[in-house]
């Protein structure tokens, strides 16, 4: 993301001379494992390494694609950036909409193209993949197959699976709450995912109180059938957390958000409701909450 190995070295050396620069660690790891490097890393990352021995470029993204990494190529030249705007601003590609990806998104309300972006000529390194670029072109290789999840329980039926999953989720919520030393916000919708996080957080805090406050934040849609207030209020009533309600932005604001997001084109999905995101950010600032828990995506995951 704008750092060369040299600048990363200087950045880390200035902070602590004893710290080994992250670039040096990654290069040493690449020398040891080569193209298997990505599978050895944990957490979120996006990286590009030039291999002078093979005259190949190696680029990789984390398993879930948390870190963006876009690429464009022309006449044997390749360019990488963490945002589409950077590639357009560098005049590496012309800003033309990818009508196939845009039309597909508008019809299905979800971004189904793993590689394509909303701008012609700009693609992604796919999540859980590494790309190798050499004289013969570019190939993307999937290094992270979806693994079988070990619940560490004797699976004798649905009850055992549910018990194992609940135990793991409870441990995860507890571990994350223990890492937060300031005000905390939990986004509570009408879904089972955010409800589970909310109730497990309340259960954890009953046993291990923390000094900083915990708030629930919900969007409400007054007068619309999609309003989930009755459900979120019922869940909130099972806790002692203050419940903050934010009126959702209007449809007109959402339409403006769609147009703005489409012009930027760098997100894995267009967010047509950026005013909603702004309202969420303002709510966090008013609560002085630097950390937020959310169950967003749970419904998609189940689907």
Protein backbone atom coordinates (compact mmCIF):
# COMPACT_ATOMS: atom_id res chain seq x y z
CA UNK A 1 0.00 0.00 0.00
CA UNK A 2 2.52 2.59 -1.11
CA UNK A 3 5.55 1.26 0.81
CA UNK A 4 8.65 -0.12 -0.84
CA UNK A 5 10.77 -2.56 1.19
CA UNK A 6 13.19 0.29 1.88
CA UNK A 7 10.53 2.64 3.25
CA UNK A 8 9.05 -0.12 5.36
CA UNK A 9 12.51 -0.82 6.76
CA UNK A 10 12.98 2.84 7.65
CA UNK A 11 9.51 3.06 9.15
CA UNK A 12 10.03 0.14 11.48
CA UNK A 13 13.67 0.94 12.28
CA UNK A 14 12.70 4.43 13.37
CA UNK A 15 10.17 2.98 15.78
CA UNK A 16 12.41 0.36 17.36
CA UNK A 17 15.89 -0.60 16.13
CA UNK A 18 15.42 -4.09 17.59
CA UNK A 19 12.31 -4.82 15.53
CA UNK A 20 12.98 -6.82 12.37
CA UNK A 21 11.32 -4.96 9.45
CA UNK A 22 8.20 -6.76 8.20
CA UNK A 23 9.44 -6.54 4.61
CA UNK A 24 12.62 -8.38 5.54
CA UNK A 25 10.63 -11.08 7.32
CA UNK A 26 8.37 -11.56 4.30
CA UNK A 27 11.31 -11.72 1.89
CA UNK A 28 13.07 -14.29 4.07
CA UNK A 29 9.85 -16.30 4.26
CA UNK A 30 9.50 -16.15 0.48
CA UNK A 31 13.08 -17.39 0.06
CA UNK A 32 12.23 -20.32 2.32
CA UNK A 33 8.77 -21.28 1.05
CA UNK A 34 8.51 -19.63 -2.36
CA UNK A 35 4.98 -19.68 -3.75
CA UNK A 36 3.75 -21.49 -0.64
CA UNK A 37 4.35 -18.31 1.38
CA UNK A 38 0.72 -17.17 1.37
CA UNK A 39 -0.47 -20.40 2.95
CA UNK A 40 1.97 -19.90 5.84
CA UNK A 41 0.62 -16.45 6.77
CA UNK A 42 -2.23 -15.76 9.19
CA UNK A 43 -4.42 -12.70 9.44
CA UNK A 44 -5.23 -10.18 6.72
CA UNK A 45 -2.62 -9.19 4.15
CA UNK A 46 -1.95 -8.19 0.56
CA UNK A 47 1.59 -8.33 -0.78
CA UNK A 48 3.60 -8.17 -3.99
CA UNK A 49 7.16 -9.56 -4.31
CA UNK A 50 9.53 -9.40 -7.28
CA UNK A 51 11.67 -12.52 -7.67
CA UNK A 52 14.82 -11.58 -9.64
CA UNK A 53 15.89 -15.23 -9.92
CA UNK A 54 12.79 -16.37 -11.80
CA UNK A 55 11.94 -12.89 -13.15
CA UNK A 56 8.42 -13.35 -11.85
CA UNK A 57 6.11 -11.19 -9.80
CA UNK A 58 4.34 -12.88 -6.88
CA UNK A 59 1.18 -11.30 -5.45
CA UNK A 60 -1.12 -12.73 -2.80
CA UNK A 61 -4.18 -11.89 -0.70
CA UNK A 62 -5.46 -13.28 2.56
CA UNK A 63 -7.99 -16.11 2.60
CA UNK A 64 -11.05 -13.90 3.10
CA UNK A 65 -9.88 -11.00 0.94
CA UNK A 66 -9.94 -8.48 3.78
CA UNK A 67 -7.10 -6.53 2.17
CA UNK A 68 -7.84 -5.26 -1.37
CA UNK A 69 -5.34 -5.77 -4.16
CA UNK A 70 -6.21 -4.63 -7.68
CA UNK A 71 -4.18 -5.17 -10.82
CA UNK A 72 -4.17 -3.94 -14.39
CA UNK A 73 -2.01 -4.85 -17.35
CA UNK A 74 -1.27 -3.52 -20.81
CA UNK A 75 1.30 -4.52 -23.42
CA UNK A 76 3.26 -6.68 -21.00
CA UNK A 77 3.17 -4.10 -18.18
CA UNK A 78 1.42 -4.72 -14.88
CA UNK A 79 0.38 -2.33 -12.13
CA UNK A 80 -0.90 -3.08 -8.62
CA UNK A 81 -2.70 -0.89 -6.10
CA UNK A 82 -4.92 -1.20 -3.06
CA UNK A 83 -7.51 1.09 -4.68
CA UNK A 84 -8.92 1.38 -8.18
CA UNK A 85 -8.55 5.16 -8.04
CA UNK A 86 -4.77 4.83 -7.85
CA UNK A 87 -4.59 2.90 -11.11
CA UNK A 88 -6.93 5.37 -12.83
CA UNK A 89 -5.09 8.41 -11.43
CA UNK A 90 -1.79 7.00 -12.74
CA UNK A 91 -3.35 6.90 -16.25
CA UNK A 92 -2.59 3.21 -16.42
CA UNK A 93 -6.16 2.48 -17.52
CA UNK A 94 -8.98 4.60 -18.86
CA UNK A 95 -11.97 5.07 -16.59
CA UNK A 96 -14.65 3.04 -18.37
CA UNK A 97 -17.44 1.19 -16.55
CA UNK A 98 -17.53 -2.60 -16.67
CA UNK A 99 -21.17 -2.86 -17.70
CA UNK A 100 -21.28 -6.64 -17.29
CA UNK A 101 -20.27 -6.45 -13.62
CA UNK A 102 -22.47 -3.42 -12.97
CA UNK A 103 -25.52 -4.95 -14.65
CA UNK A 104 -25.05 -8.22 -12.79
CA UNK A 105 -24.85 -6.34 -9.49
CA UNK A 106 -27.98 -4.31 -10.22
CA UNK A 107 -29.97 -7.43 -11.14
CA UNK A 108 -28.83 -9.65 -8.26
CA UNK A 109 -27.99 -6.99 -5.64
CA UNK A 110 -24.68 -8.70 -4.92
CA UNK A 111 -21.23 -8.68 -6.49
CA UNK A 112 -20.73 -12.15 -7.99
CA UNK A 113 -17.53 -11.47 -9.95
CA UNK A 114 -14.55 -12.74 -7.99
CA UNK A 115 -11.97 -11.07 -10.22
CA UNK A 116 -13.69 -8.29 -12.16
CA UNK A 117 -14.12 -4.80 -10.76
CA UNK A 118 -16.58 -2.15 -11.90
CA UNK A 119 -13.89 -0.60 -14.10
CA UNK A 120 -12.83 -2.16 -17.40
CA UNK A 121 -9.27 -3.48 -17.40
CA UNK A 122 -8.93 -3.62 -13.61
CA UNK A 123 -9.22 -6.95 -11.85
CA UNK A 124 -8.57 -8.29 -8.37
CA UNK A 125 -6.14 -10.79 -7.06
CA UNK A 126 -8.78 -13.17 -5.78
CA UNK A 127 -9.22 -13.83 -2.09
CA UNK A 128 -7.33 -16.94 -0.99
CA UNK A 129 -5.23 -16.86 -4.18
CA UNK A 130 -1.75 -15.90 -5.25
CA UNK A 131 -0.90 -14.61 -8.71
CA UNK A 132 2.32 -15.30 -10.60
CA UNK A 133 3.23 -12.97 -13.45
CA UNK A 134 6.05 -13.78 -15.82
CA UNK A 135 7.03 -13.82 -19.46
CA UNK A 136 4.24 -16.27 -20.26
CA UNK A 137 1.52 -14.11 -18.71
CA UNK A 138 -0.35 -14.32 -15.43
CA UNK A 139 -1.92 -17.20 -13.54
CA UNK A 140 -3.90 -17.13 -10.31
CA UNK A 141 -3.66 -20.17 -8.03
CA UNK A 142 -5.96 -20.91 -5.14
CA UNK A 143 -3.84 -21.71 -2.10
CA UNK A 144 -6.61 -21.75 0.51
CA UNK A 145 -9.29 -24.38 0.00
CA UNK A 146 -12.20 -24.12 2.40
CA UNK A 147 -11.11 -26.53 5.13
CA UNK A 148 -13.22 -28.88 7.16
CA UNK A 149 -13.92 -27.11 10.44
CA UNK A 150 -12.89 -29.12 13.49
CA UNK A 151 -15.26 -28.33 16.34
CA UNK A 152 -13.35 -30.56 18.75
CA UNK A 153 -16.54 -32.34 19.72
CA UNK A 154 -17.71 -35.89 19.21
CA UNK A 155 -20.25 -35.33 16.49
CA UNK A 156 -23.20 -37.46 17.36
CA UNK A 157 -25.89 -35.26 15.89
CA UNK A 158 -27.20 -31.74 15.56
CA UNK A 159 -27.11 -31.15 19.31
CA UNK A 160 -23.37 -31.79 19.47
CA UNK A 161 -22.72 -29.50 16.51
CA UNK A 162 -24.82 -26.71 18.03
CA UNK A 163 -23.08 -27.11 21.38
CA UNK A 164 -19.63 -27.02 19.79
CA UNK A 165 -20.45 -23.99 17.68
CA UNK A 166 -21.91 -22.11 20.63
CA UNK A 167 -18.82 -22.82 22.71
CA UNK A 168 -16.52 -21.51 19.98
CA UNK A 169 -18.62 -18.40 19.36
CA UNK A 170 -18.81 -17.67 23.08
CA UNK A 171 -15.03 -17.98 23.41
CA UNK A 172 -14.55 -15.68 20.42
CA UNK A 173 -16.85 -12.98 21.80
CA UNK A 174 -15.15 -13.19 25.22
CA UNK A 175 -11.66 -12.95 23.69
CA UNK A 176 -12.60 -9.94 21.59
CA UNK A 177 -14.26 -8.15 24.48
CA UNK A 178 -11.18 -8.72 26.65
CA UNK A 179 -9.09 -6.92 24.03
CA UNK A 180 -11.20 -3.73 24.16
CA UNK A 181 -10.29 -1.22 26.87
CA UNK A 182 -12.66 1.60 25.89
CA UNK A 183 -16.33 2.11 25.05
CA UNK A 184 -17.77 -0.62 22.84
CA UNK A 185 -20.68 -0.55 20.41
CA UNK A 186 -22.54 -3.60 19.14
CA UNK A 187 -24.60 -3.24 15.96
CA UNK A 188 -27.91 -4.99 16.63
CA UNK A 189 -30.25 -5.71 13.75
CA UNK A 190 -33.13 -8.14 13.45
CA UNK A 191 -30.83 -11.02 12.51
CA UNK A 192 -29.77 -14.03 14.50
CA UNK A 193 -26.06 -13.26 14.03
CA UNK A 194 -25.97 -9.86 15.74
CA UNK A 195 -28.49 -11.12 18.31
CA UNK A 196 -26.18 -14.01 19.22
CA UNK A 197 -23.21 -11.65 19.62
CA UNK A 198 -25.30 -9.28 21.76
CA UNK A 199 -26.60 -11.95 24.10
CA UNK A 200 -23.25 -13.70 24.47
CA UNK A 201 -21.61 -10.35 25.20
CA UNK A 202 -24.17 -9.71 27.93
CA UNK A 203 -23.59 -13.18 29.34
CA UNK A 204 -19.83 -12.62 29.36
CA UNK A 205 -20.05 -9.19 31.02
CA UNK A 206 -22.34 -10.52 33.73
CA UNK A 207 -19.48 -12.81 34.77
CA UNK A 208 -16.61 -10.45 33.94
CA UNK A 209 -17.67 -6.78 34.17
CA UNK A 210 -15.62 -4.15 32.36
CA UNK A 211 -15.13 -0.52 33.29
CA UNK A 212 -16.04 1.06 29.95
CA UNK A 213 -19.66 1.16 28.72
CA UNK A 214 -21.18 -1.10 26.09
CA UNK A 215 -23.95 0.25 23.83
CA UNK A 216 -26.27 -1.37 21.34
CA UNK A 217 -26.82 0.55 18.10
CA UNK A 218 -29.72 -0.24 15.75
CA UNK A 219 -31.01 1.29 12.55
CA UNK A 220 -34.78 1.81 12.46
CA UNK A 221 -37.05 2.22 9.45
CA UNK A 222 -40.20 3.89 10.80
CA UNK A 223 -43.34 3.05 8.88
CA UNK A 224 -41.70 0.47 6.61
CA UNK A 225 -42.31 -3.28 6.66
CA UNK A 226 -38.54 -3.87 6.83
CA UNK A 227 -38.35 -2.15 10.23
CA UNK A 228 -36.86 -4.66 12.69
CA UNK A 229 -37.35 -2.51 15.78
CA UNK A 230 -39.70 -4.89 17.62
CA UNK A 231 -37.17 -7.70 17.36
CA UNK A 232 -34.07 -5.63 18.22
CA UNK A 233 -35.93 -4.06 21.17
CA UNK A 234 -36.86 -7.51 22.46
CA UNK A 235 -33.22 -8.63 22.28
CA UNK A 236 -32.00 -5.39 23.90
CA UNK A 237 -34.49 -5.91 26.75
CA UNK A 238 -32.64 -9.12 27.64
CA UNK A 239 -29.53 -7.08 28.40
CA UNK A 240 -28.64 -4.06 30.52
CA UNK A 241 -27.00 -2.26 27.59
CA UNK A 242 -28.25 1.21 26.56
CA UNK A 243 -29.96 0.96 23.17
CA UNK A 244 -29.29 3.72 20.62
CA UNK A 245 -31.61 3.90 17.59
CA UNK A 246 -30.66 5.62 14.36
CA UNK A 247 -33.31 6.50 11.73
CA UNK A 248 -32.14 5.02 8.43
CA UNK A 249 -31.38 7.44 5.57
CA UNK A 250 -34.01 8.00 2.93
CA UNK A 251 -34.21 6.15 -0.39
CA UNK A 252 -33.11 9.31 -2.19
CA UNK A 253 -29.91 9.38 -0.11
CA UNK A 254 -29.34 5.70 -0.89
CA UNK A 255 -29.63 6.40 -4.63
CA UNK A 256 -26.98 9.11 -4.33
CA UNK A 257 -24.82 6.65 -2.44
CA UNK A 258 -25.13 4.07 -5.23
CA UNK A 259 -23.99 6.59 -7.84
CA UNK A 260 -21.04 7.73 -5.73
CA UNK A 261 -19.92 4.17 -5.00
CA UNK A 262 -20.20 3.16 -8.66
CA UNK A 263 -17.92 6.05 -9.66
CA UNK A 264 -15.26 4.93 -7.19
CA UNK A 265 -15.65 1.29 -8.16
CA UNK A 266 -13.02 -0.06 -5.79
CA UNK A 267 -15.18 -1.85 -3.23
CA UNK A 268 -15.82 -5.60 -3.57
CA UNK A 269 -19.48 -4.60 -3.40
CA UNK A 270 -21.09 -1.26 -4.13
CA UNK A 271 -22.49 0.23 -0.96
CA UNK A 272 -25.62 2.09 -2.08
CA UNK A 273 -26.26 3.23 1.48
CA UNK A 274 -23.12 5.19 2.28
CA UNK A 275 -25.26 7.76 4.18
CA UNK A 276 -26.18 4.84 6.47
CA UNK A 277 -22.47 4.16 6.97
CA UNK A 278 -21.92 7.84 7.74
CA UNK A 279 -24.71 7.76 10.32
CA UNK A 280 -23.14 4.67 11.88
CA UNK A 281 -19.78 6.43 12.11
CA UNK A 282 -21.34 9.52 13.68
CA UNK A 283 -23.08 7.32 16.26
CA UNK A 284 -19.77 5.67 17.18
CA UNK A 285 -18.08 9.05 17.57
CA UNK A 286 -20.89 10.33 19.79
CA UNK A 287 -20.42 7.27 22.03
CA UNK A 288 -16.62 7.65 21.91
CA UNK A 289 -16.54 4.01 20.78
CA UNK A 290 -13.40 3.08 18.86
CA UNK A 291 -14.45 -0.55 18.44
CA UNK A 292 -17.68 -2.01 17.10
CA UNK A 293 -18.92 -5.58 16.95
CA UNK A 294 -21.24 -6.52 14.13
CA UNK A 295 -22.88 -9.66 12.87
CA UNK A 296 -23.09 -8.29 9.34
CA UNK A 297 -22.67 -10.98 6.73
CA UNK A 298 -24.06 -13.86 8.76
CA UNK A 299 -27.15 -14.20 6.62
CA UNK A 300 -25.03 -14.27 3.45
CA UNK A 301 -22.73 -16.84 5.00
CA UNK A 302 -25.63 -19.16 5.79
CA UNK A 303 -27.05 -18.71 2.31
